[in-house]
Structure formats: C-alpha cells, structure tokens
C-alpha cells in the first residue's frame, strides 16, 4: 500500500480533531482520541505533527482559511442596507443551527488559544474582522450609503454582535427570540450609515484596514 502523503495525513488528522472536539469537547480531544477517530496510529500522528498544540494551531488556521461567513446574501441588488444585514445575519444563524456542535468547538478553541496561544486568538479575530469589513463595504456600495463611523469600528461591532448571537442561541435555542434579535441588530448597525453624497465614497475606509 502506498504511503499516505504527509499533507493528506495532516488534513485527515485535523478533520478528525474537529469532529472529536465537536462531539466530545476540547478537553477530550487528546492525541489518542484524534488518531482513533482518524484510524491512524500515534506514530502516524507524530510523523505529521510535533504536538497536539501544533495540530490545534493548524486547525484554527484551516478553519479561518475556509471561513466564508459574511453578512451578505447572494443577491445584493435592489436591497436596502437593513435588508442586506438582516438577511446576512439570518444566513449566519442558519449556518449555526445546521451544526451547533462545530460552532461550540470553535468557541472552545478560541478560549484555549486565548489562554495559551494569544497570537493565534488575535489572528482568528483579525480574520473575522477583515471578513466583516469586506461585507460591510460591499453592502454600502450596493445601497448607495456610507459609514459615518470608521469601517473597522463597524466591522468590530458586527463581529461582537455575531459572537453574542452565537452564545445566545447556543444557550437558549430560542429561534423566535434570536430572529427578533437579528432584526434589531441589523437596524442598529444600519443606523451607523447615511446616504452617500455624489462626491463621497461609499465607505470612508478600505476593507484592508479592518483588523485588530
């Protein structure tokens, strides 16, 4: 049998670690549990990673690289800013409802990084903020509005709101309440924009500036 390429082995171990963390919690995501989930040996693990911490760093980076959660729906034209924000946040909540264990695992990973690997936690939230900034800039451009506070500030607010919505739903599982909260949050964030004048850009700052 051909030897598994190291990158394929790493990917399989990362996916196994996320499954274990989602189903059993990070405290039970041991090296032995990961290799058992992946159907590999401990020797195979140490061929791919030096430690569990190295795997977790890679897991967080891989999740961030594939992170496509934005506040915008596919259809942008003919919508108001409040509608775009509402639909985008509802889309995120639907993603959360579809796989709550995965989102809970990511929260645990953030807390773990915050305690033991602070640069990784900062990079995670810098990426969330960049994605939010890109979405907000597109929303303002497509609705003829401009942000009246700096775009990075609005992006950080959106990330904070999304974190709150996530925890609220994970704890209460109250769909009606979270839908109401989404609509209120969208209206509050949209209130930070005003119609763009012909001489004004749609946004006062570029998405690239949206980071911690």
N, C-alpha and C. Protein backbone atom coordinates (compact mmCIF):
# COMPACT_ATOMS: atom_id res chain seq x y z
N UNK A 1 0.85 -1.20 0.00
CA UNK A 1 0.00 0.00 0.00
C UNK A 1 0.88 1.25 0.00
N UNK A 2 0.54 2.21 -0.84
CA UNK A 2 1.33 3.43 -0.92
C UNK A 2 1.23 4.21 0.38
N UNK A 3 2.35 4.83 0.76
CA UNK A 3 2.35 5.64 1.98
C UNK A 3 1.53 6.90 1.76
N UNK A 4 0.73 7.28 2.77
CA UNK A 4 -0.10 8.47 2.68
C UNK A 4 0.79 9.71 2.71
N UNK A 5 0.65 10.63 1.73
CA UNK A 5 1.43 11.88 1.76
C UNK A 5 1.19 12.62 3.06
N UNK A 6 2.23 13.30 3.56
CA UNK A 6 2.14 13.93 4.86
C UNK A 6 1.03 14.98 4.92
N UNK A 7 0.82 15.72 3.83
CA UNK A 7 -0.22 16.75 3.87
C UNK A 7 -1.61 16.13 3.92
N UNK A 8 -1.79 15.01 3.24
CA UNK A 8 -3.06 14.28 3.32
C UNK A 8 -3.27 13.77 4.74
N UNK A 9 -2.21 13.26 5.34
CA UNK A 9 -2.28 12.78 6.72
C UNK A 9 -2.65 13.91 7.68
N UNK A 10 -2.02 15.07 7.50
CA UNK A 10 -2.33 16.23 8.35
C UNK A 10 -3.80 16.64 8.21
N UNK A 11 -4.28 16.69 6.97
CA UNK A 11 -5.67 17.08 6.75
C UNK A 11 -6.63 16.11 7.43
N UNK A 12 -6.35 14.82 7.32
CA UNK A 12 -7.22 13.82 7.94
C UNK A 12 -7.21 13.95 9.47
N UNK A 13 -6.06 14.24 10.05
CA UNK A 13 -5.96 14.40 11.49
C UNK A 13 -6.67 15.68 11.95
N UNK A 14 -6.56 16.74 11.19
CA UNK A 14 -7.24 18.00 11.52
C UNK A 14 -8.74 17.79 11.50
N UNK A 15 -9.24 17.15 10.45
CA UNK A 15 -10.68 16.89 10.35
C UNK A 15 -11.15 16.00 11.50
N UNK A 16 -10.34 15.01 11.86
CA UNK A 16 -10.69 14.13 12.97
C UNK A 16 -10.72 14.91 14.28
N UNK A 17 -9.75 15.80 14.48
CA UNK A 17 -9.71 16.60 15.71
C UNK A 17 -10.95 17.48 15.83
N UNK A 18 -11.39 18.07 14.73
CA UNK A 18 -12.58 18.92 14.78
C UNK A 18 -13.83 18.10 15.09
N UNK A 19 -13.90 16.90 14.55
CA UNK A 19 -15.05 16.02 14.85
C UNK A 19 -15.06 15.63 16.32
N UNK A 20 -13.90 15.30 16.87
CA UNK A 20 -13.84 14.93 18.28
C UNK A 20 -14.20 16.12 19.16
N UNK A 21 -13.63 17.29 18.85
CA UNK A 21 -13.92 18.49 19.65
C UNK A 21 -15.41 18.82 19.59
N UNK A 22 -16.02 18.66 18.42
CA UNK A 22 -17.44 18.98 18.27
C UNK A 22 -18.32 18.00 19.02
N UNK A 23 -17.94 16.75 19.05
CA UNK A 23 -18.81 15.74 19.67
C UNK A 23 -18.53 15.53 21.15
N UNK A 24 -17.29 15.76 21.59
CA UNK A 24 -16.92 15.41 22.96
C UNK A 24 -16.29 16.56 23.76
N UNK A 25 -15.99 17.67 23.09
CA UNK A 25 -15.39 18.79 23.79
C UNK A 25 -13.88 18.79 23.65
N UNK A 26 -13.29 19.97 23.78
CA UNK A 26 -11.85 20.11 23.58
C UNK A 26 -11.06 19.34 24.66
N UNK A 27 -11.60 19.27 25.88
CA UNK A 27 -10.88 18.60 26.96
C UNK A 27 -10.68 17.12 26.67
N UNK A 28 -11.52 16.54 25.80
CA UNK A 28 -11.37 15.14 25.44
C UNK A 28 -10.73 14.95 24.08
N UNK A 29 -10.29 16.04 23.48
CA UNK A 29 -9.64 15.96 22.17
C UNK A 29 -8.15 15.71 22.39
N UNK A 30 -7.86 14.52 22.86
CA UNK A 30 -6.48 14.12 23.12
C UNK A 30 -5.86 13.56 21.84
N UNK A 31 -4.54 13.42 21.89
CA UNK A 31 -3.85 12.84 20.73
C UNK A 31 -4.38 11.44 20.45
N UNK A 32 -4.59 10.65 21.49
CA UNK A 32 -5.10 9.29 21.29
C UNK A 32 -6.52 9.30 20.70
N UNK A 33 -7.36 10.21 21.17
CA UNK A 33 -8.71 10.29 20.63
C UNK A 33 -8.70 10.72 19.17
N UNK A 34 -7.80 11.61 18.82
CA UNK A 34 -7.70 12.09 17.44
C UNK A 34 -7.28 10.97 16.50
N UNK A 35 -6.23 10.24 16.88
CA UNK A 35 -5.76 9.18 15.98
C UNK A 35 -6.78 8.05 15.89
N UNK A 36 -7.49 7.79 16.98
CA UNK A 36 -8.53 6.76 16.91
C UNK A 36 -9.64 7.19 15.95
N UNK A 37 -10.04 8.45 16.02
CA UNK A 37 -11.06 8.97 15.10
C UNK A 37 -10.59 8.92 13.66
N UNK A 38 -9.30 9.20 13.44
CA UNK A 38 -8.75 9.21 12.08
C UNK A 38 -8.37 7.82 11.58
N UNK A 39 -8.39 6.82 12.47
CA UNK A 39 -7.99 5.48 12.07
C UNK A 39 -6.51 5.37 11.81
N UNK A 40 -5.71 6.08 12.61
CA UNK A 40 -4.26 6.09 12.45
C UNK A 40 -3.61 5.67 13.76
N UNK A 41 -2.30 5.57 13.72
CA UNK A 41 -1.52 5.23 14.91
C UNK A 41 -0.89 6.50 15.48
N UNK A 42 -0.40 6.40 16.74
CA UNK A 42 0.31 7.53 17.33
C UNK A 42 1.56 7.88 16.53
N UNK A 43 2.20 6.87 15.97
CA UNK A 43 3.39 7.13 15.15
C UNK A 43 3.01 7.97 13.93
N UNK A 44 1.85 7.69 13.36
CA UNK A 44 1.38 8.46 12.22
C UNK A 44 1.15 9.92 12.60
N UNK A 45 0.60 10.12 13.81
CA UNK A 45 0.36 11.48 14.28
C UNK A 45 1.68 12.25 14.38
N UNK A 46 2.68 11.64 15.01
CA UNK A 46 3.93 12.35 15.24
C UNK A 46 4.76 12.49 13.97
N UNK A 47 4.41 11.74 12.95
CA UNK A 47 5.01 11.95 11.63
C UNK A 47 4.48 13.23 11.00
N UNK A 48 3.23 13.58 11.34
CA UNK A 48 2.58 14.75 10.75
C UNK A 48 2.71 16.00 11.61
N UNK A 49 2.63 15.85 12.94
CA UNK A 49 2.67 16.99 13.86
C UNK A 49 3.61 16.68 15.02
N UNK A 50 4.27 17.70 15.54
CA UNK A 50 5.14 17.52 16.70
C UNK A 50 4.33 17.41 17.98
N UNK A 51 3.16 18.04 18.03
CA UNK A 51 2.37 18.05 19.25
C UNK A 51 0.91 18.32 18.93
N UNK A 52 0.05 18.12 19.93
CA UNK A 52 -1.36 18.46 19.77
C UNK A 52 -1.53 19.96 19.57
N UNK A 53 -0.73 20.78 20.26
CA UNK A 53 -0.83 22.22 20.10
C UNK A 53 -0.53 22.65 18.66
N UNK A 54 0.43 22.01 18.04
CA UNK A 54 0.72 22.34 16.64
C UNK A 54 -0.49 22.00 15.76
N UNK A 55 -1.13 20.87 16.03
CA UNK A 55 -2.32 20.49 15.27
C UNK A 55 -3.43 21.51 15.49
N UNK A 56 -3.63 21.94 16.73
CA UNK A 56 -4.71 22.89 17.01
C UNK A 56 -4.45 24.22 16.32
N UNK A 57 -3.20 24.67 16.31
CA UNK A 57 -2.86 25.89 15.57
C UNK A 57 -3.25 25.74 14.10
N UNK A 58 -2.91 24.62 13.52
CA UNK A 58 -3.21 24.37 12.11
C UNK A 58 -4.71 24.26 11.90
N UNK A 59 -5.41 23.65 12.85
CA UNK A 59 -6.87 23.54 12.75
C UNK A 59 -7.51 24.91 12.70
N UNK A 60 -7.11 25.80 13.60
CA UNK A 60 -7.68 27.15 13.61
C UNK A 60 -7.39 27.87 12.30
N UNK A 61 -6.16 27.76 11.81
CA UNK A 61 -5.79 28.42 10.56
C UNK A 61 -6.59 27.87 9.38
N UNK A 62 -6.79 26.56 9.35
CA UNK A 62 -7.54 25.95 8.25
C UNK A 62 -9.00 26.37 8.27
N UNK A 63 -9.58 26.44 9.46
CA UNK A 63 -10.97 26.89 9.56
C UNK A 63 -11.08 28.33 9.10
N UNK A 64 -10.12 29.16 9.50
CA UNK A 64 -10.14 30.57 9.08
C UNK A 64 -9.97 30.70 7.57
N UNK A 65 -9.10 29.88 6.99
CA UNK A 65 -8.86 29.96 5.55
C UNK A 65 -10.12 29.64 4.76
N UNK A 66 -10.95 28.77 5.30
CA UNK A 66 -12.18 28.41 4.61
C UNK A 66 -13.40 29.17 5.11
N UNK A 67 -13.18 30.14 5.98
CA UNK A 67 -14.30 30.86 6.57
C UNK A 67 -14.97 31.75 5.54
N UNK A 68 -16.23 31.48 5.25
CA UNK A 68 -16.96 32.26 4.26
C UNK A 68 -18.20 32.90 4.84
N UNK A 69 -18.30 32.97 6.19
CA UNK A 69 -19.47 33.58 6.81
C UNK A 69 -19.38 35.08 6.67
N UNK A 70 -20.27 35.66 5.90
CA UNK A 70 -20.32 37.11 5.76
C UNK A 70 -21.72 37.57 6.13
N UNK A 71 -21.93 38.87 6.10
CA UNK A 71 -23.25 39.39 6.43
C UNK A 71 -24.06 39.70 5.18
N UNK A 72 -23.66 39.17 4.04
CA UNK A 72 -24.37 39.48 2.81
C UNK A 72 -24.98 38.23 2.18
N UNK A 73 -26.22 38.32 1.70
CA UNK A 73 -26.79 37.23 0.92
C UNK A 73 -26.22 37.25 -0.49
N UNK A 74 -26.57 36.23 -1.28
CA UNK A 74 -26.06 36.17 -2.66
C UNK A 74 -26.57 37.32 -3.51
N UNK A 75 -27.83 37.69 -3.31
CA UNK A 75 -28.44 38.75 -4.12
C UNK A 75 -28.28 40.09 -3.41
N UNK A 76 -27.58 41.04 -4.06
CA UNK A 76 -27.32 42.33 -3.45
C UNK A 76 -28.17 43.45 -4.03
N UNK A 77 -28.49 43.36 -5.29
CA UNK A 77 -29.15 44.47 -5.97
C UNK A 77 -30.57 44.67 -5.47
N UNK A 78 -30.98 45.95 -5.40
CA UNK A 78 -32.35 46.29 -5.06
C UNK A 78 -32.71 46.09 -3.60
N UNK A 79 -31.71 45.94 -2.72
CA UNK A 79 -31.98 45.73 -1.31
C UNK A 79 -31.52 46.95 -0.52
N UNK A 80 -32.19 47.21 0.59
CA UNK A 80 -31.72 48.26 1.48
C UNK A 80 -30.59 47.72 2.36
N UNK A 81 -29.88 48.62 2.99
CA UNK A 81 -28.79 48.19 3.86
C UNK A 81 -29.32 47.33 5.01
N UNK A 82 -30.42 47.74 5.60
CA UNK A 82 -31.00 46.95 6.69
C UNK A 82 -31.39 45.56 6.21
N UNK A 83 -31.96 45.46 5.02
CA UNK A 83 -32.34 44.15 4.48
C UNK A 83 -31.13 43.27 4.26
N UNK A 84 -30.06 43.83 3.71
CA UNK A 84 -28.85 43.04 3.48
C UNK A 84 -28.27 42.53 4.80
N UNK A 85 -28.21 43.41 5.79
CA UNK A 85 -27.68 42.99 7.08
C UNK A 85 -28.57 41.94 7.74
N UNK A 86 -29.87 42.14 7.65
CA UNK A 86 -30.80 41.17 8.25
C UNK A 86 -30.66 39.81 7.59
N UNK A 87 -30.67 39.78 6.26
CA UNK A 87 -30.58 38.51 5.56
C UNK A 87 -29.23 37.83 5.81
N UNK A 88 -28.15 38.63 5.86
CA UNK A 88 -26.84 38.06 6.11
C UNK A 88 -26.73 37.45 7.49
N UNK A 89 -27.23 38.16 8.50
CA UNK A 89 -27.20 37.63 9.85
C UNK A 89 -28.10 36.40 10.00
N UNK A 90 -29.25 36.44 9.34
CA UNK A 90 -30.11 35.25 9.37
C UNK A 90 -29.39 34.06 8.71
N UNK A 91 -28.66 34.34 7.62
CA UNK A 91 -27.89 33.27 6.98
C UNK A 91 -26.86 32.67 7.92
N UNK A 92 -26.21 33.52 8.70
CA UNK A 92 -25.24 33.02 9.67
C UNK A 92 -25.92 32.16 10.73
N UNK A 93 -27.08 32.60 11.22
CA UNK A 93 -27.80 31.83 12.23
C UNK A 93 -28.22 30.47 11.68
N UNK A 94 -28.62 30.44 10.41
CA UNK A 94 -28.98 29.15 9.81
C UNK A 94 -27.76 28.23 9.77
N UNK A 95 -26.59 28.80 9.47
CA UNK A 95 -25.34 28.01 9.49
C UNK A 95 -25.08 27.47 10.89
N UNK A 96 -25.32 28.29 11.90
CA UNK A 96 -25.15 27.88 13.28
C UNK A 96 -26.12 26.76 13.64
N UNK A 97 -27.37 26.91 13.26
CA UNK A 97 -28.38 25.89 13.57
C UNK A 97 -28.04 24.56 12.91
N UNK A 98 -27.42 24.62 11.73
CA UNK A 98 -27.14 23.40 10.99
C UNK A 98 -26.07 22.55 11.67
N UNK A 99 -25.14 23.19 12.38
CA UNK A 99 -24.06 22.43 13.02
C UNK A 99 -23.61 23.14 14.29
N UNK A 100 -24.46 23.16 15.31
CA UNK A 100 -24.11 23.90 16.53
C UNK A 100 -22.89 23.34 17.24
N UNK A 101 -22.66 22.03 17.17
CA UNK A 101 -21.52 21.44 17.85
C UNK A 101 -20.21 21.97 17.27
N UNK A 102 -20.17 22.18 15.98
CA UNK A 102 -18.95 22.70 15.36
C UNK A 102 -18.66 24.11 15.86
N UNK A 103 -19.71 24.94 15.92
CA UNK A 103 -19.51 26.31 16.39
C UNK A 103 -19.10 26.34 17.87
N UNK A 104 -19.66 25.43 18.65
CA UNK A 104 -19.27 25.36 20.05
C UNK A 104 -17.80 24.94 20.17
N UNK A 105 -17.37 24.03 19.31
CA UNK A 105 -15.97 23.61 19.31
C UNK A 105 -15.06 24.78 18.97
N UNK A 106 -15.47 25.61 18.01
CA UNK A 106 -14.65 26.77 17.65
C UNK A 106 -14.56 27.76 18.80
N UNK A 107 -15.65 27.92 19.56
CA UNK A 107 -15.59 28.78 20.75
C UNK A 107 -14.61 28.23 21.77
N UNK A 108 -14.61 26.92 21.96
CA UNK A 108 -13.66 26.31 22.89
C UNK A 108 -12.23 26.52 22.41
N UNK A 109 -12.01 26.39 21.12
CA UNK A 109 -10.67 26.60 20.57
C UNK A 109 -10.21 28.03 20.77
N UNK A 110 -11.15 28.97 20.62
CA UNK A 110 -10.80 30.38 20.86
C UNK A 110 -10.38 30.59 22.31
N UNK A 111 -11.15 30.03 23.24
CA UNK A 111 -10.81 30.17 24.66
C UNK A 111 -9.47 29.52 24.97
N UNK A 112 -9.20 28.38 24.36
CA UNK A 112 -7.93 27.70 24.57
C UNK A 112 -6.78 28.56 24.05
N UNK A 113 -6.96 29.12 22.85
CA UNK A 113 -5.92 29.97 22.28
C UNK A 113 -5.73 31.23 23.12
N UNK A 114 -6.82 31.76 23.64
CA UNK A 114 -6.74 32.97 24.46
C UNK A 114 -5.91 32.73 25.72
N UNK A 115 -6.00 31.55 26.28
CA UNK A 115 -5.24 31.24 27.50
C UNK A 115 -3.80 30.85 27.21
N UNK A 116 -3.58 30.16 26.10
CA UNK A 116 -2.27 29.54 25.89
C UNK A 116 -1.53 30.01 24.64
N UNK A 117 -2.24 30.56 23.67
CA UNK A 117 -1.62 30.92 22.40
C UNK A 117 -2.28 32.21 21.90
N UNK A 118 -2.02 33.30 22.62
CA UNK A 118 -2.70 34.57 22.37
C UNK A 118 -2.56 35.06 20.93
N UNK A 119 -1.38 34.97 20.28
CA UNK A 119 -1.29 35.43 18.89
C UNK A 119 -2.27 34.72 17.96
N UNK A 120 -2.53 33.44 18.22
CA UNK A 120 -3.48 32.71 17.38
C UNK A 120 -4.89 33.24 17.59
N UNK A 121 -5.26 33.53 18.84
CA UNK A 121 -6.59 34.10 19.10
C UNK A 121 -6.73 35.45 18.43
N UNK A 122 -5.68 36.26 18.48
CA UNK A 122 -5.73 37.57 17.83
C UNK A 122 -5.87 37.44 16.32
N UNK A 123 -5.17 36.48 15.74
CA UNK A 123 -5.28 36.27 14.29
C UNK A 123 -6.67 35.81 13.91
N UNK A 124 -7.27 34.96 14.73
CA UNK A 124 -8.63 34.49 14.47
C UNK A 124 -9.59 35.67 14.39
N UNK A 125 -9.50 36.58 15.35
CA UNK A 125 -10.44 37.70 15.37
C UNK A 125 -10.08 38.78 14.35
N UNK A 126 -8.82 38.90 14.03
CA UNK A 126 -8.45 39.81 12.93
C UNK A 126 -9.06 39.34 11.62
N UNK A 127 -9.06 38.02 11.41
CA UNK A 127 -9.67 37.48 10.20
C UNK A 127 -11.17 37.69 10.18
N UNK A 128 -11.84 37.44 11.31
CA UNK A 128 -13.27 37.68 11.38
C UNK A 128 -13.57 39.15 11.05
N UNK A 129 -12.76 40.04 11.58
CA UNK A 129 -12.99 41.47 11.37
C UNK A 129 -12.75 41.86 9.92
N UNK A 130 -11.74 41.28 9.29
CA UNK A 130 -11.50 41.56 7.87
C UNK A 130 -12.67 41.10 7.02
N UNK A 131 -13.19 39.90 7.30
CA UNK A 131 -14.34 39.41 6.54
C UNK A 131 -15.55 40.31 6.74
N UNK A 132 -15.78 40.75 7.97
CA UNK A 132 -16.90 41.65 8.24
C UNK A 132 -16.73 42.96 7.50
N UNK A 133 -15.50 43.49 7.47
CA UNK A 133 -15.25 44.77 6.80
C UNK A 133 -15.51 44.68 5.29
N UNK A 134 -15.08 43.59 4.69
CA UNK A 134 -15.33 43.40 3.26
C UNK A 134 -16.83 43.37 2.99
N UNK A 135 -17.57 42.64 3.80
CA UNK A 135 -19.02 42.53 3.63
C UNK A 135 -19.71 43.88 3.81
N UNK A 136 -19.30 44.62 4.82
CA UNK A 136 -19.92 45.92 5.09
C UNK A 136 -19.60 46.93 3.99
N UNK A 137 -18.39 46.89 3.46
CA UNK A 137 -18.03 47.78 2.37
C UNK A 137 -18.87 47.49 1.13
N UNK A 138 -19.05 46.20 0.82
CA UNK A 138 -19.88 45.83 -0.33
C UNK A 138 -21.33 46.26 -0.10
N UNK A 139 -21.82 46.08 1.10
CA UNK A 139 -23.20 46.46 1.40
C UNK A 139 -23.41 47.96 1.19
N UNK A 140 -22.46 48.77 1.64
CA UNK A 140 -22.62 50.22 1.46
C UNK A 140 -22.54 50.60 -0.01
N UNK A 141 -21.66 49.95 -0.75
CA UNK A 141 -21.53 50.26 -2.18
C UNK A 141 -22.80 49.93 -2.94
N UNK A 142 -23.43 48.83 -2.60
CA UNK A 142 -24.61 48.38 -3.34
C UNK A 142 -25.89 49.08 -2.89
N UNK A 143 -25.84 49.81 -1.81
CA UNK A 143 -27.05 50.50 -1.32
C UNK A 143 -26.91 52.01 -1.37
N UNK A 144 -25.81 52.52 -1.92
CA UNK A 144 -25.63 53.96 -2.03
C UNK A 144 -25.53 54.66 -0.69
N UNK A 145 -24.89 53.99 0.26
CA UNK A 145 -24.72 54.57 1.58
C UNK A 145 -23.24 54.66 1.92
N UNK A 146 -22.96 55.37 3.01
CA UNK A 146 -21.59 55.44 3.51
C UNK A 146 -21.62 55.32 5.02
N UNK A 147 -20.58 54.70 5.56
CA UNK A 147 -20.50 54.54 7.01
C UNK A 147 -20.06 55.86 7.62
N UNK A 148 -20.76 56.30 8.67
CA UNK A 148 -20.46 57.59 9.27
C UNK A 148 -19.50 57.45 10.46
N UNK A 149 -19.13 56.22 10.76
CA UNK A 149 -18.02 55.95 11.69
C UNK A 149 -17.02 55.08 10.92
N UNK A 150 -15.78 55.00 11.35
CA UNK A 150 -14.78 54.23 10.59
C UNK A 150 -15.22 52.78 10.35
N UNK A 151 -14.99 52.32 9.16
CA UNK A 151 -15.39 50.96 8.79
C UNK A 151 -14.81 49.90 9.73
N UNK A 152 -13.54 49.99 10.14
CA UNK A 152 -13.04 48.97 11.09
C UNK A 152 -13.85 48.92 12.38
N UNK A 153 -14.34 50.06 12.83
CA UNK A 153 -15.16 50.08 14.05
C UNK A 153 -16.48 49.35 13.83
N UNK A 154 -17.11 49.61 12.70
CA UNK A 154 -18.38 48.92 12.39
C UNK A 154 -18.13 47.42 12.26
N UNK A 155 -17.01 47.04 11.64
CA UNK A 155 -16.69 45.62 11.48
C UNK A 155 -16.48 44.95 12.83
N UNK A 156 -15.78 45.60 13.74
CA UNK A 156 -15.59 45.03 15.07
C UNK A 156 -16.92 44.90 15.81
N UNK A 157 -17.80 45.87 15.61
CA UNK A 157 -19.13 45.79 16.22
C UNK A 157 -19.90 44.60 15.67
N UNK A 158 -19.84 44.40 14.36
CA UNK A 158 -20.55 43.28 13.75
C UNK A 158 -20.02 41.95 14.28
N UNK A 159 -18.71 41.83 14.43
CA UNK A 159 -18.14 40.60 14.99
C UNK A 159 -18.63 40.39 16.42
N UNK A 160 -18.65 41.47 17.20
CA UNK A 160 -19.12 41.36 18.59
C UNK A 160 -20.59 40.95 18.64
N UNK A 161 -21.41 41.52 17.76
CA UNK A 161 -22.83 41.17 17.70
C UNK A 161 -22.99 39.69 17.33
N UNK A 162 -22.21 39.25 16.35
CA UNK A 162 -22.31 37.86 15.92
C UNK A 162 -21.91 36.91 17.05
N UNK A 163 -20.85 37.27 17.78
CA UNK A 163 -20.47 36.45 18.95
C UNK A 163 -21.62 36.36 19.95
N UNK A 164 -22.25 37.49 20.23
CA UNK A 164 -23.36 37.49 21.18
C UNK A 164 -24.53 36.66 20.71
N UNK A 165 -24.87 36.78 19.43
CA UNK A 165 -25.96 35.98 18.88
C UNK A 165 -25.64 34.49 18.97
N UNK A 166 -24.38 34.15 18.70
CA UNK A 166 -23.97 32.74 18.75
C UNK A 166 -24.16 32.17 20.15
N UNK A 167 -23.62 32.85 21.14
CA UNK A 167 -23.75 32.36 22.52
C UNK A 167 -25.21 32.32 22.97
N UNK A 168 -25.95 33.35 22.61
CA UNK A 168 -27.37 33.41 22.99
C UNK A 168 -28.12 32.20 22.45
N UNK A 169 -27.92 31.90 21.18
CA UNK A 169 -28.65 30.78 20.60
C UNK A 169 -28.16 29.44 21.14
N UNK A 170 -26.84 29.28 21.32
CA UNK A 170 -26.33 28.03 21.85
C UNK A 170 -26.88 27.74 23.25
N UNK A 171 -27.05 28.78 24.05
CA UNK A 171 -27.55 28.59 25.42
C UNK A 171 -29.05 28.36 25.43
N UNK A 172 -29.80 29.19 24.70
CA UNK A 172 -31.27 29.18 24.82
C UNK A 172 -31.98 28.37 23.75
N UNK A 173 -31.37 28.23 22.57
CA UNK A 173 -32.00 27.53 21.43
C UNK A 173 -33.40 28.07 21.16
N UNK A 174 -33.54 29.38 21.31
CA UNK A 174 -34.84 30.04 21.11
C UNK A 174 -34.82 30.72 19.75
N UNK A 175 -35.39 30.06 18.75
CA UNK A 175 -35.34 30.58 17.38
C UNK A 175 -36.10 31.88 17.22
N UNK A 176 -37.25 31.99 17.86
CA UNK A 176 -38.05 33.21 17.73
C UNK A 176 -37.31 34.41 18.34
N UNK A 177 -36.72 34.21 19.50
CA UNK A 177 -36.01 35.30 20.16
C UNK A 177 -34.78 35.72 19.35
N UNK A 178 -34.05 34.76 18.80
CA UNK A 178 -32.84 35.10 18.07
C UNK A 178 -33.18 35.80 16.75
N UNK A 179 -34.29 35.43 16.13
CA UNK A 179 -34.70 36.11 14.91
C UNK A 179 -35.05 37.58 15.20
N UNK A 180 -35.70 37.81 16.32
CA UNK A 180 -36.01 39.19 16.71
C UNK A 180 -34.73 39.97 16.99
N UNK A 181 -33.78 39.32 17.66
CA UNK A 181 -32.50 39.98 17.96
C UNK A 181 -31.74 40.31 16.69
N UNK A 182 -31.79 39.41 15.72
CA UNK A 182 -31.12 39.66 14.44
C UNK A 182 -31.68 40.91 13.77
N UNK A 183 -32.99 41.03 13.75
CA UNK A 183 -33.61 42.19 13.10
C UNK A 183 -33.24 43.49 13.83
N UNK A 184 -33.23 43.44 15.14
CA UNK A 184 -32.85 44.63 15.91
C UNK A 184 -31.39 44.99 15.68
N UNK A 185 -30.52 43.98 15.64
CA UNK A 185 -29.10 44.23 15.43
C UNK A 185 -28.86 44.83 14.05
N UNK A 186 -29.56 44.31 13.04
CA UNK A 186 -29.39 44.85 11.68
C UNK A 186 -29.81 46.30 11.61
N UNK A 187 -30.92 46.65 12.26
CA UNK A 187 -31.36 48.04 12.26
C UNK A 187 -30.35 48.94 12.98
N UNK A 188 -29.80 48.45 14.09
CA UNK A 188 -28.85 49.26 14.85
C UNK A 188 -27.57 49.51 14.06
N UNK A 189 -27.08 48.47 13.37
CA UNK A 189 -25.85 48.65 12.59
C UNK A 189 -26.11 49.53 11.38
N UNK A 190 -27.26 49.35 10.72
CA UNK A 190 -27.59 50.17 9.56
C UNK A 190 -27.71 51.64 9.93
N UNK A 191 -28.05 51.94 11.18
CA UNK A 191 -28.17 53.33 11.64
C UNK A 191 -26.82 54.04 11.68
N UNK A 192 -25.73 53.28 11.54
CA UNK A 192 -24.39 53.87 11.51
C UNK A 192 -23.99 54.29 10.10
N UNK A 193 -24.93 54.23 9.15
CA UNK A 193 -24.67 54.65 7.78
C UNK A 193 -25.65 55.75 7.39
N UNK A 194 -25.27 56.51 6.37
CA UNK A 194 -26.14 57.55 5.84
C UNK A 194 -26.04 57.52 4.32
N UNK A 195 -27.01 58.13 3.61
CA UNK A 195 -26.91 58.17 2.15
C UNK A 195 -25.61 58.83 1.71
N UNK A 196 -24.97 58.23 0.71
CA UNK A 196 -23.71 58.78 0.21
C UNK A 196 -24.00 59.95 -0.73
N UNK A 197 -23.30 61.05 -0.55
CA UNK A 197 -23.43 62.16 -1.49
C UNK A 197 -22.65 61.83 -2.75
N UNK A 198 -22.96 62.49 -3.88
CA UNK A 198 -22.26 62.18 -5.13
C UNK A 198 -20.75 62.32 -5.01
N UNK A 199 -20.27 63.20 -4.15
CA UNK A 199 -18.83 63.44 -4.04
C UNK A 199 -18.19 62.54 -2.99
N UNK A 200 -18.99 61.73 -2.29
CA UNK A 200 -18.45 60.92 -1.20
C UNK A 200 -18.29 59.48 -1.63
N UNK A 201 -17.23 58.82 -1.20
CA UNK A 201 -17.12 57.37 -1.45
C UNK A 201 -18.14 56.64 -0.61
N UNK A 202 -18.41 55.37 -0.99
CA UNK A 202 -19.40 54.60 -0.26
C UNK A 202 -18.93 54.24 1.14
N UNK A 203 -17.64 54.24 1.34
CA UNK A 203 -17.11 53.87 2.65
C UNK A 203 -15.87 54.68 2.94
N UNK A 204 -15.67 55.18 4.16
CA UNK A 204 -14.53 56.01 4.44
C UNK A 204 -13.23 55.28 4.67
N UNK A 205 -13.26 53.97 4.67
CA UNK A 205 -12.03 53.22 4.87
C UNK A 205 -12.09 51.95 4.06
N UNK A 206 -10.94 51.46 3.64
CA UNK A 206 -10.90 50.26 2.82
C UNK A 206 -11.00 49.03 3.70
N UNK A 207 -11.51 47.88 3.15
CA UNK A 207 -11.61 46.66 3.93
C UNK A 207 -10.28 46.22 4.50
N UNK A 208 -9.18 46.50 3.81
CA UNK A 208 -7.89 46.04 4.28
C UNK A 208 -7.52 46.62 5.62
N UNK A 209 -8.14 47.74 5.98
CA UNK A 209 -7.82 48.35 7.26
C UNK A 209 -8.56 47.73 8.43
N UNK A 210 -9.40 46.76 8.17
CA UNK A 210 -10.24 46.19 9.24
C UNK A 210 -9.53 45.05 9.93
N UNK A 211 -8.67 45.37 10.84
CA UNK A 211 -8.02 44.34 11.63
C UNK A 211 -7.64 44.94 12.98
N UNK A 212 -7.42 44.03 13.96
CA UNK A 212 -7.04 44.49 15.29
C UNK A 212 -5.63 45.04 15.24
